[in-house]
All heavy atoms as atom14 arrays in JSON, in Angstrom:
{
  "sequence": "AGDAPVAMRERARSVVMSYESMADEASFVLGPVIVGLASA",
  "atom14_mask": [
    [1, 1, 1, 1, 1, 0, 0, 0, 0, 0, 0, 0, 0, 0],
    [1, 1, 1, 1, 0, 0, 0, 0, 0, 0, 0, 0, 0, 0],
    [1, 1, 1, 1, 1, 1, 1, 1, 0, 0, 0, 0, 0, 0],
    [1, 1, 1, 1, 1, 0, 0, 0, 0, 0, 0, 0, 0, 0],
    [1, 1, 1, 1, 1, 1, 1, 0, 0, 0, 0, 0, 0, 0],
    [1, 1, 1, 1, 1, 1, 1, 0, 0, 0, 0, 0, 0, 0],
    [1, 1, 1, 1, 1, 0, 0, 0, 0, 0, 0, 0, 0, 0],
    [1, 1, 1, 1, 1, 1, 1, 1, 0, 0, 0, 0, 0, 0],
    [1, 1, 1, 1, 1, 1, 1, 1, 1, 1, 1, 0, 0, 0],
    [1, 1, 1, 1, 1, 1, 1, 1, 1, 0, 0, 0, 0, 0],
    [1, 1, 1, 1, 1, 1, 1, 1, 1, 1, 1, 0, 0, 0],
    [1, 1, 1, 1, 1, 0, 0, 0, 0, 0, 0, 0, 0, 0],
    [1, 1, 1, 1, 1, 1, 1, 1, 1, 1, 1, 0, 0, 0],
    [1, 1, 1, 1, 1, 1, 0, 0, 0, 0, 0, 0, 0, 0],
    [1, 1, 1, 1, 1, 1, 1, 0, 0, 0, 0, 0, 0, 0],
    [1, 1, 1, 1, 1, 1, 1, 0, 0, 0, 0, 0, 0, 0],
    [1, 1, 1, 1, 1, 1, 1, 1, 0, 0, 0, 0, 0, 0],
    [1, 1, 1, 1, 1, 1, 0, 0, 0, 0, 0, 0, 0, 0],
    [1, 1, 1, 1, 1, 1, 1, 1, 1, 1, 1, 1, 0, 0],
    [1, 1, 1, 1, 1, 1, 1, 1, 1, 0, 0, 0, 0, 0],
    [1, 1, 1, 1, 1, 1, 0, 0, 0, 0, 0, 0, 0, 0],
    [1, 1, 1, 1, 1, 1, 1, 1, 0, 0, 0, 0, 0, 0],
    [1, 1, 1, 1, 1, 0, 0, 0, 0, 0, 0, 0, 0, 0],
    [1, 1, 1, 1, 1, 1, 1, 1, 0, 0, 0, 0, 0, 0],
    [1, 1, 1, 1, 1, 1, 1, 1, 1, 0, 0, 0, 0, 0],
    [1, 1, 1, 1, 1, 0, 0, 0, 0, 0, 0, 0, 0, 0],
    [1, 1, 1, 1, 1, 1, 0, 0, 0, 0, 0, 0, 0, 0],
    [1, 1, 1, 1, 1, 1, 1, 1, 1, 1, 1, 0, 0, 0],
    [1, 1, 1, 1, 1, 1, 1, 0, 0, 0, 0, 0, 0, 0],
    [1, 1, 1, 1, 1, 1, 1, 1, 0, 0, 0, 0, 0, 0],
    [1, 1, 1, 1, 0, 0, 0, 0, 0, 0, 0, 0, 0, 0],
    [1, 1, 1, 1, 1, 1, 1, 0, 0, 0, 0, 0, 0, 0],
    [1, 1, 1, 1, 1, 1, 1, 0, 0, 0, 0, 0, 0, 0],
    [1, 1, 1, 1, 1, 1, 1, 1, 0, 0, 0, 0, 0, 0],
    [1, 1, 1, 1, 1, 1, 1, 0, 0, 0, 0, 0, 0, 0],
    [1, 1, 1, 1, 0, 0, 0, 0, 0, 0, 0, 0, 0, 0],
    [1, 1, 1, 1, 1, 1, 1, 1, 0, 0, 0, 0, 0, 0],
    [1, 1, 1, 1, 1, 0, 0, 0, 0, 0, 0, 0, 0, 0],
    [1, 1, 1, 1, 1, 1, 0, 0, 0, 0, 0, 0, 0, 0],
    [1, 1, 1, 1, 1, 0, 0, 0, 0, 0, 0, 0, 0, 0]
  ],
  "atom14_positions": [
    [[16.62, 32.41, -16.71], [15.34, 32.99, -16.33], [15.45, 34.5, -16.15], [14.51, 35.25, -16.43], [14.83, 32.35, -15.04], [0.0, 0.0, 0.0], [0.0, 0.0, 0.0], [0.0, 0.0, 0.0], [0.0, 0.0, 0.0], [0.0, 0.0, 0.0], [0.0, 0.0, 0.0], [0.0, 0.0, 0.0], [0.0, 0.0, 0.0], [0.0, 0.0, 0.0]],
    [[16.62, 34.96, -15.69], [16.82, 36.4, -15.51], [16.85, 37.16, -16.81], [16.67, 38.39, -16.83], [0.0, 0.0, 0.0], [0.0, 0.0, 0.0], [0.0, 0.0, 0.0], [0.0, 0.0, 0.0], [0.0, 0.0, 0.0], [0.0, 0.0, 0.0], [0.0, 0.0, 0.0], [0.0, 0.0, 0.0], [0.0, 0.0, 0.0], [0.0, 0.0, 0.0]],
    [[17.08, 36.45, -17.91], [17.08, 37.09, -19.23], [15.7, 37.15, -19.85], [15.53, 37.68, -20.96], [18.03, 36.34, -20.18], [19.49, 36.47, -19.76], [19.81, 37.48, -19.1], [20.3, 35.57, -20.07], [0.0, 0.0, 0.0], [0.0, 0.0, 0.0], [0.0, 0.0, 0.0], [0.0, 0.0, 0.0], [0.0, 0.0, 0.0], [0.0, 0.0, 0.0]],
    [[14.71, 36.58, -19.16], [13.34, 36.6, -19.67], [12.77, 38.02, -19.6], [13.25, 38.85, -18.83], [12.46, 35.64, -18.87], [0.0, 0.0, 0.0], [0.0, 0.0, 0.0], [0.0, 0.0, 0.0], [0.0, 0.0, 0.0], [0.0, 0.0, 0.0], [0.0, 0.0, 0.0], [0.0, 0.0, 0.0], [0.0, 0.0, 0.0], [0.0, 0.0, 0.0]],
    [[11.75, 38.31, -20.42], [11.08, 39.61, -20.3], [10.6, 39.84, -18.87], [10.24, 38.9, -18.16], [9.9, 39.48, -21.27], [10.34, 38.45, -22.26], [11.18, 37.48, -21.48], [0.0, 0.0, 0.0], [0.0, 0.0, 0.0], [0.0, 0.0, 0.0], [0.0, 0.0, 0.0], [0.0, 0.0, 0.0], [0.0, 0.0, 0.0], [0.0, 0.0, 0.0]],
    [[10.58, 41.09, -18.45], [10.24, 41.43, -17.06], [8.9, 40.83, -16.65], [8.75, 40.33, -15.53], [10.23, 42.96, -16.88], [9.76, 43.32, -15.47], [11.61, 43.53, -17.14], [0.0, 0.0, 0.0], [0.0, 0.0, 0.0], [0.0, 0.0, 0.0], [0.0, 0.0, 0.0], [0.0, 0.0, 0.0], [0.0, 0.0, 0.0], [0.0, 0.0, 0.0]],
    [[7.94, 40.84, -17.56], [6.59, 40.37, -17.24], [6.54, 38.9, -16.88], [5.66, 38.47, -16.13], [5.65, 40.64, -18.42], [0.0, 0.0, 0.0], [0.0, 0.0, 0.0], [0.0, 0.0, 0.0], [0.0, 0.0, 0.0], [0.0, 0.0, 0.0], [0.0, 0.0, 0.0], [0.0, 0.0, 0.0], [0.0, 0.0, 0.0], [0.0, 0.0, 0.0]],
    [[7.49, 38.09, -17.37], [7.46, 36.65, -17.09], [8.69, 36.19, -16.3], [8.88, 35.0, -16.09], [7.35, 35.85, -18.4], [8.49, 36.08, -19.37], [8.22, 35.29, -20.99], [8.12, 33.57, -20.55], [0.0, 0.0, 0.0], [0.0, 0.0, 0.0], [0.0, 0.0, 0.0], [0.0, 0.0, 0.0], [0.0, 0.0, 0.0], [0.0, 0.0, 0.0]],
    [[9.48, 37.14, -15.82], [10.73, 36.77, -15.13], [10.47, 36.02, -13.83], [11.11, 35.0, -13.54], [11.56, 38.02, -14.86], [12.98, 37.73, -14.36], [13.8, 38.99, -14.38], [13.92, 39.51, -15.72], [14.27, 40.76, -16.02], [14.52, 41.62, -15.04], [14.36, 41.15, -17.27], [0.0, 0.0, 0.0], [0.0, 0.0, 0.0], [0.0, 0.0, 0.0]],
    [[9.52, 36.5, -13.04], [9.23, 35.83, -11.77], [8.69, 34.43, -12.0], [9.06, 33.48, -11.3], [8.23, 36.67, -10.96], [8.01, 36.13, -9.55], [7.18, 37.07, -8.69], [6.9, 38.2, -9.15], [6.83, 36.67, -7.58], [0.0, 0.0, 0.0], [0.0, 0.0, 0.0], [0.0, 0.0, 0.0], [0.0, 0.0, 0.0], [0.0, 0.0, 0.0]],
    [[7.82, 34.28, -13.0], [7.3, 32.96, -13.33], [8.43, 32.05, -13.8], [8.49, 30.87, -13.45], [6.22, 33.09, -14.41], [5.75, 31.77, -15.03], [5.16, 30.81, -14.01], [4.08, 31.41, -13.25], [3.49, 30.81, -12.23], [3.9, 29.62, -11.84], [2.51, 31.4, -11.59], [0.0, 0.0, 0.0], [0.0, 0.0, 0.0], [0.0, 0.0, 0.0]],
    [[9.35, 32.59, -14.6], [10.46, 31.79, -15.11], [11.33, 31.29, -13.96], [11.76, 30.13, -13.94], [11.3, 32.61, -16.09], [0.0, 0.0, 0.0], [0.0, 0.0, 0.0], [0.0, 0.0, 0.0], [0.0, 0.0, 0.0], [0.0, 0.0, 0.0], [0.0, 0.0, 0.0], [0.0, 0.0, 0.0], [0.0, 0.0, 0.0], [0.0, 0.0, 0.0]],
    [[11.59, 32.15, -12.99], [12.4, 31.73, -11.84], [11.68, 30.66, -11.02], [12.31, 29.73, -10.51], [12.73, 32.95, -10.98], [13.76, 33.87, -11.63], [13.94, 35.16, -10.86], [15.1, 35.9, -11.36], [15.4, 37.15, -10.99], [14.63, 37.78, -10.11], [16.47, 37.74, -11.48], [0.0, 0.0, 0.0], [0.0, 0.0, 0.0], [0.0, 0.0, 0.0]],
    [[10.38, 30.79, -10.87], [9.6, 29.78, -10.15], [9.66, 28.43, -10.86], [9.83, 27.38, -10.23], [8.15, 30.24, -10.01], [7.35, 29.25, -9.41], [0.0, 0.0, 0.0], [0.0, 0.0, 0.0], [0.0, 0.0, 0.0], [0.0, 0.0, 0.0], [0.0, 0.0, 0.0], [0.0, 0.0, 0.0], [0.0, 0.0, 0.0], [0.0, 0.0, 0.0]],
    [[9.52, 28.46, -12.18], [9.59, 27.23, -12.97], [10.96, 26.57, -12.82], [11.07, 25.35, -12.65], [9.29, 27.52, -14.45], [9.63, 26.32, -15.33], [7.82, 27.9, -14.63], [0.0, 0.0, 0.0], [0.0, 0.0, 0.0], [0.0, 0.0, 0.0], [0.0, 0.0, 0.0], [0.0, 0.0, 0.0], [0.0, 0.0, 0.0], [0.0, 0.0, 0.0]],
    [[12.01, 27.38, -12.88], [13.37, 26.85, -12.76], [13.56, 26.14, -11.43], [14.06, 25.0, -11.38], [14.41, 27.98, -12.91], [15.78, 27.55, -12.4], [14.52, 28.4, -14.38], [0.0, 0.0, 0.0], [0.0, 0.0, 0.0], [0.0, 0.0, 0.0], [0.0, 0.0, 0.0], [0.0, 0.0, 0.0], [0.0, 0.0, 0.0], [0.0, 0.0, 0.0]],
    [[13.18, 26.77, -10.34], [13.41, 26.17, -9.02], [12.54, 24.93, -8.81], [12.97, 23.97, -8.16], [13.16, 27.2, -7.93], [14.19, 28.32, -7.93], [15.89, 27.66, -7.77], [16.85, 29.13, -8.15], [0.0, 0.0, 0.0], [0.0, 0.0, 0.0], [0.0, 0.0, 0.0], [0.0, 0.0, 0.0], [0.0, 0.0, 0.0], [0.0, 0.0, 0.0]],
    [[11.33, 24.94, -9.34], [10.48, 23.76, -9.23], [11.07, 22.6, -10.03], [11.14, 21.46, -9.54], [9.07, 24.08, -9.73], [8.44, 25.03, -8.9], [0.0, 0.0, 0.0], [0.0, 0.0, 0.0], [0.0, 0.0, 0.0], [0.0, 0.0, 0.0], [0.0, 0.0, 0.0], [0.0, 0.0, 0.0], [0.0, 0.0, 0.0], [0.0, 0.0, 0.0]],
    [[11.5, 22.89, -11.25], [12.09, 21.84, -12.08], [13.36, 21.27, -11.42], [13.56, 20.05, -11.36], [12.44, 22.37, -13.47], [13.39, 21.43, -14.2], [12.91, 20.25, -14.77], [14.76, 21.69, -14.25], [13.79, 19.36, -15.38], [15.63, 20.81, -14.86], [15.14, 19.65, -15.43], [16.0, 18.77, -16.01], [0.0, 0.0, 0.0], [0.0, 0.0, 0.0]],
    [[14.22, 22.16, -10.93], [15.47, 21.71, -10.33], [15.23, 20.86, -9.09], [15.93, 19.87, -8.86], [16.35, 22.92, -9.99], [16.99, 23.56, -11.21], [18.07, 22.69, -11.82], [18.75, 21.96, -11.09], [18.22, 22.72, -13.06], [0.0, 0.0, 0.0], [0.0, 0.0, 0.0], [0.0, 0.0, 0.0], [0.0, 0.0, 0.0], [0.0, 0.0, 0.0]],
    [[14.25, 21.23, -8.28], [13.93, 20.42, -7.1], [13.4, 19.06, -7.49], [13.73, 18.04, -6.88], [12.91, 21.16, -6.22], [13.47, 22.34, -5.69], [0.0, 0.0, 0.0], [0.0, 0.0, 0.0], [0.0, 0.0, 0.0], [0.0, 0.0, 0.0], [0.0, 0.0, 0.0], [0.0, 0.0, 0.0], [0.0, 0.0, 0.0], [0.0, 0.0, 0.0]],
    [[12.57, 19.03, -8.54], [12.06, 17.76, -9.04], [13.21, 16.88, -9.55], [13.28, 15.68, -9.27], [11.06, 18.0, -10.17], [10.49, 16.72, -10.78], [9.65, 17.02, -12.35], [11.05, 17.49, -13.38], [0.0, 0.0, 0.0], [0.0, 0.0, 0.0], [0.0, 0.0, 0.0], [0.0, 0.0, 0.0], [0.0, 0.0, 0.0], [0.0, 0.0, 0.0]],
    [[14.14, 17.48, -10.29], [15.28, 16.73, -10.81], [16.15, 16.21, -9.67], [16.66, 15.08, -9.71], [16.1, 17.61, -11.75], [0.0, 0.0, 0.0], [0.0, 0.0, 0.0], [0.0, 0.0, 0.0], [0.0, 0.0, 0.0], [0.0, 0.0, 0.0], [0.0, 0.0, 0.0], [0.0, 0.0, 0.0], [0.0, 0.0, 0.0], [0.0, 0.0, 0.0]],
    [[16.34, 17.03, -8.63], [17.11, 16.59, -7.47], [16.48, 15.36, -6.82], [17.16, 14.37, -6.53], [17.18, 17.72, -6.43], [18.4, 18.59, -6.62], [19.22, 18.28, -7.49], [18.52, 19.59, -5.9], [0.0, 0.0, 0.0], [0.0, 0.0, 0.0], [0.0, 0.0, 0.0], [0.0, 0.0, 0.0], [0.0, 0.0, 0.0], [0.0, 0.0, 0.0]],
    [[15.17, 15.45, -6.57], [14.48, 14.34, -5.93], [14.57, 13.07, -6.79], [14.82, 11.97, -6.28], [13.01, 14.69, -5.68], [12.8, 15.62, -4.5], [13.29, 15.0, -3.21], [13.14, 13.77, -3.03], [13.82, 15.73, -2.37], [0.0, 0.0, 0.0], [0.0, 0.0, 0.0], [0.0, 0.0, 0.0], [0.0, 0.0, 0.0], [0.0, 0.0, 0.0]],
    [[14.37, 13.23, -8.08], [14.44, 12.07, -8.98], [15.84, 11.44, -8.95], [15.98, 10.21, -8.93], [14.07, 12.47, -10.4], [0.0, 0.0, 0.0], [0.0, 0.0, 0.0], [0.0, 0.0, 0.0], [0.0, 0.0, 0.0], [0.0, 0.0, 0.0], [0.0, 0.0, 0.0], [0.0, 0.0, 0.0], [0.0, 0.0, 0.0], [0.0, 0.0, 0.0]],
    [[16.86, 12.27, -8.9], [18.23, 11.73, -8.87], [18.52, 11.03, -7.56], [19.19, 9.99, -7.52], [19.25, 12.86, -9.11], [19.32, 13.74, -8.01], [0.0, 0.0, 0.0], [0.0, 0.0, 0.0], [0.0, 0.0, 0.0], [0.0, 0.0, 0.0], [0.0, 0.0, 0.0], [0.0, 0.0, 0.0], [0.0, 0.0, 0.0], [0.0, 0.0, 0.0]],
    [[18.0, 11.57, -6.45], [18.25, 10.94, -5.15], [17.39, 9.7, -4.93], [17.64, 8.92, -4.01], [18.05, 11.95, -4.02], [19.25, 12.83, -3.8], [19.24, 14.15, -4.2], [20.41, 12.33, -3.22], [20.35, 14.97, -4.02], [21.52, 13.13, -3.04], [21.5, 14.46, -3.44], [0.0, 0.0, 0.0], [0.0, 0.0, 0.0], [0.0, 0.0, 0.0]],
    [[16.37, 9.53, -5.77], [15.64, 8.25, -5.79], [16.4, 7.25, -6.64], [16.63, 6.1, -6.24], [14.22, 8.44, -6.34], [13.56, 7.08, -6.57], [13.37, 9.26, -5.38], [0.0, 0.0, 0.0], [0.0, 0.0, 0.0], [0.0, 0.0, 0.0], [0.0, 0.0, 0.0], [0.0, 0.0, 0.0], [0.0, 0.0, 0.0], [0.0, 0.0, 0.0]],
    [[16.82, 7.68, -7.83], [17.49, 6.79, -8.76], [18.88, 6.39, -8.28], [19.3, 5.25, -8.48], [17.57, 7.46, -10.13], [18.15, 6.62, -11.28], [17.34, 5.36, -11.48], [18.19, 7.45, -12.57], [0.0, 0.0, 0.0], [0.0, 0.0, 0.0], [0.0, 0.0, 0.0], [0.0, 0.0, 0.0], [0.0, 0.0, 0.0], [0.0, 0.0, 0.0]],
    [[19.59, 7.31, -7.62], [20.95, 7.02, -7.18], [21.04, 5.79, -6.29], [21.79, 4.85, -6.6], [0.0, 0.0, 0.0], [0.0, 0.0, 0.0], [0.0, 0.0, 0.0], [0.0, 0.0, 0.0], [0.0, 0.0, 0.0], [0.0, 0.0, 0.0], [0.0, 0.0, 0.0], [0.0, 0.0, 0.0], [0.0, 0.0, 0.0], [0.0, 0.0, 0.0]],
    [[20.29, 5.73, -5.18], [20.34, 4.53, -4.33], [19.87, 3.27, -5.05], [20.36, 2.17, -4.77], [19.39, 4.89, -3.18], [19.43, 6.38, -3.11], [19.54, 6.82, -4.53], [0.0, 0.0, 0.0], [0.0, 0.0, 0.0], [0.0, 0.0, 0.0], [0.0, 0.0, 0.0], [0.0, 0.0, 0.0], [0.0, 0.0, 0.0], [0.0, 0.0, 0.0]],
    [[18.91, 3.41, -5.96], [18.45, 2.25, -6.73], [19.59, 1.69, -7.58], [19.82, 0.48, -7.63], [17.25, 2.62, -7.62], [16.93, 1.47, -8.58], [16.03, 2.94, -6.77], [0.0, 0.0, 0.0], [0.0, 0.0, 0.0], [0.0, 0.0, 0.0], [0.0, 0.0, 0.0], [0.0, 0.0, 0.0], [0.0, 0.0, 0.0], [0.0, 0.0, 0.0]],
    [[20.33, 2.59, -8.23], [21.48, 2.15, -9.04], [22.52, 1.48, -8.16], [23.11, 0.45, -8.53], [22.09, 3.36, -9.78], [21.11, 3.88, -10.83], [23.41, 2.96, -10.46], [21.57, 5.15, -11.51], [0.0, 0.0, 0.0], [0.0, 0.0, 0.0], [0.0, 0.0, 0.0], [0.0, 0.0, 0.0], [0.0, 0.0, 0.0], [0.0, 0.0, 0.0]],
    [[22.76, 2.07, -6.98], [23.72, 1.47, -6.05], [23.3, 0.05, -5.68], [24.11, -0.89, -5.7], [23.87, 2.33, -4.78], [24.67, 1.58, -3.72], [24.54, 3.65, -5.11], [0.0, 0.0, 0.0], [0.0, 0.0, 0.0], [0.0, 0.0, 0.0], [0.0, 0.0, 0.0], [0.0, 0.0, 0.0], [0.0, 0.0, 0.0], [0.0, 0.0, 0.0]],
    [[22.03, -0.12, -5.35], [21.54, -1.45, -4.97], [21.62, -2.45, -6.09], [22.07, -3.6, -5.89], [0.0, 0.0, 0.0], [0.0, 0.0, 0.0], [0.0, 0.0, 0.0], [0.0, 0.0, 0.0], [0.0, 0.0, 0.0], [0.0, 0.0, 0.0], [0.0, 0.0, 0.0], [0.0, 0.0, 0.0], [0.0, 0.0, 0.0], [0.0, 0.0, 0.0]],
    [[21.21, -2.04, -7.29], [21.24, -2.96, -8.43], [22.66, -3.34, -8.8], [22.96, -4.51, -9.06], [20.54, -2.31, -9.63], [19.01, -2.13, -9.52], [18.47, -1.39, -10.73], [18.33, -3.49, -9.38], [0.0, 0.0, 0.0], [0.0, 0.0, 0.0], [0.0, 0.0, 0.0], [0.0, 0.0, 0.0], [0.0, 0.0, 0.0], [0.0, 0.0, 0.0]],
    [[23.56, -2.34, -8.85], [24.94, -2.63, -9.23], [25.63, -3.5, -8.19], [26.4, -4.4, -8.53], [25.71, -1.32, -9.41], [0.0, 0.0, 0.0], [0.0, 0.0, 0.0], [0.0, 0.0, 0.0], [0.0, 0.0, 0.0], [0.0, 0.0, 0.0], [0.0, 0.0, 0.0], [0.0, 0.0, 0.0], [0.0, 0.0, 0.0], [0.0, 0.0, 0.0]],
    [[25.34, -3.26, -6.91], [25.94, -4.07, -5.85], [25.46, -5.52, -5.92], [26.25, -6.46, -5.75], [25.6, -3.49, -4.48], [26.11, -2.19, -4.33], [0.0, 0.0, 0.0], [0.0, 0.0, 0.0], [0.0, 0.0, 0.0], [0.0, 0.0, 0.0], [0.0, 0.0, 0.0], [0.0, 0.0, 0.0], [0.0, 0.0, 0.0], [0.0, 0.0, 0.0]],
    [[24.16, -5.7, -6.17], [23.59, -7.04, -6.22], [24.01, -7.79, -7.48], [24.3, -8.99, -7.44], [22.07, -6.96, -6.14], [0.0, 0.0, 0.0], [0.0, 0.0, 0.0], [0.0, 0.0, 0.0], [0.0, 0.0, 0.0], [0.0, 0.0, 0.0], [0.0, 0.0, 0.0], [0.0, 0.0, 0.0], [0.0, 0.0, 0.0], [0.0, 0.0, 0.0]]
  ]
}
């Protein structure tokens, strides 16, 4: 995102952090589900 043109750099950084937080949440939802399914 830091390599983006100056005019869109702030937007690029916002998109990155939003996407990464979404991916984190999805993984922490899926992780326990996988644990439960594999254990059962």
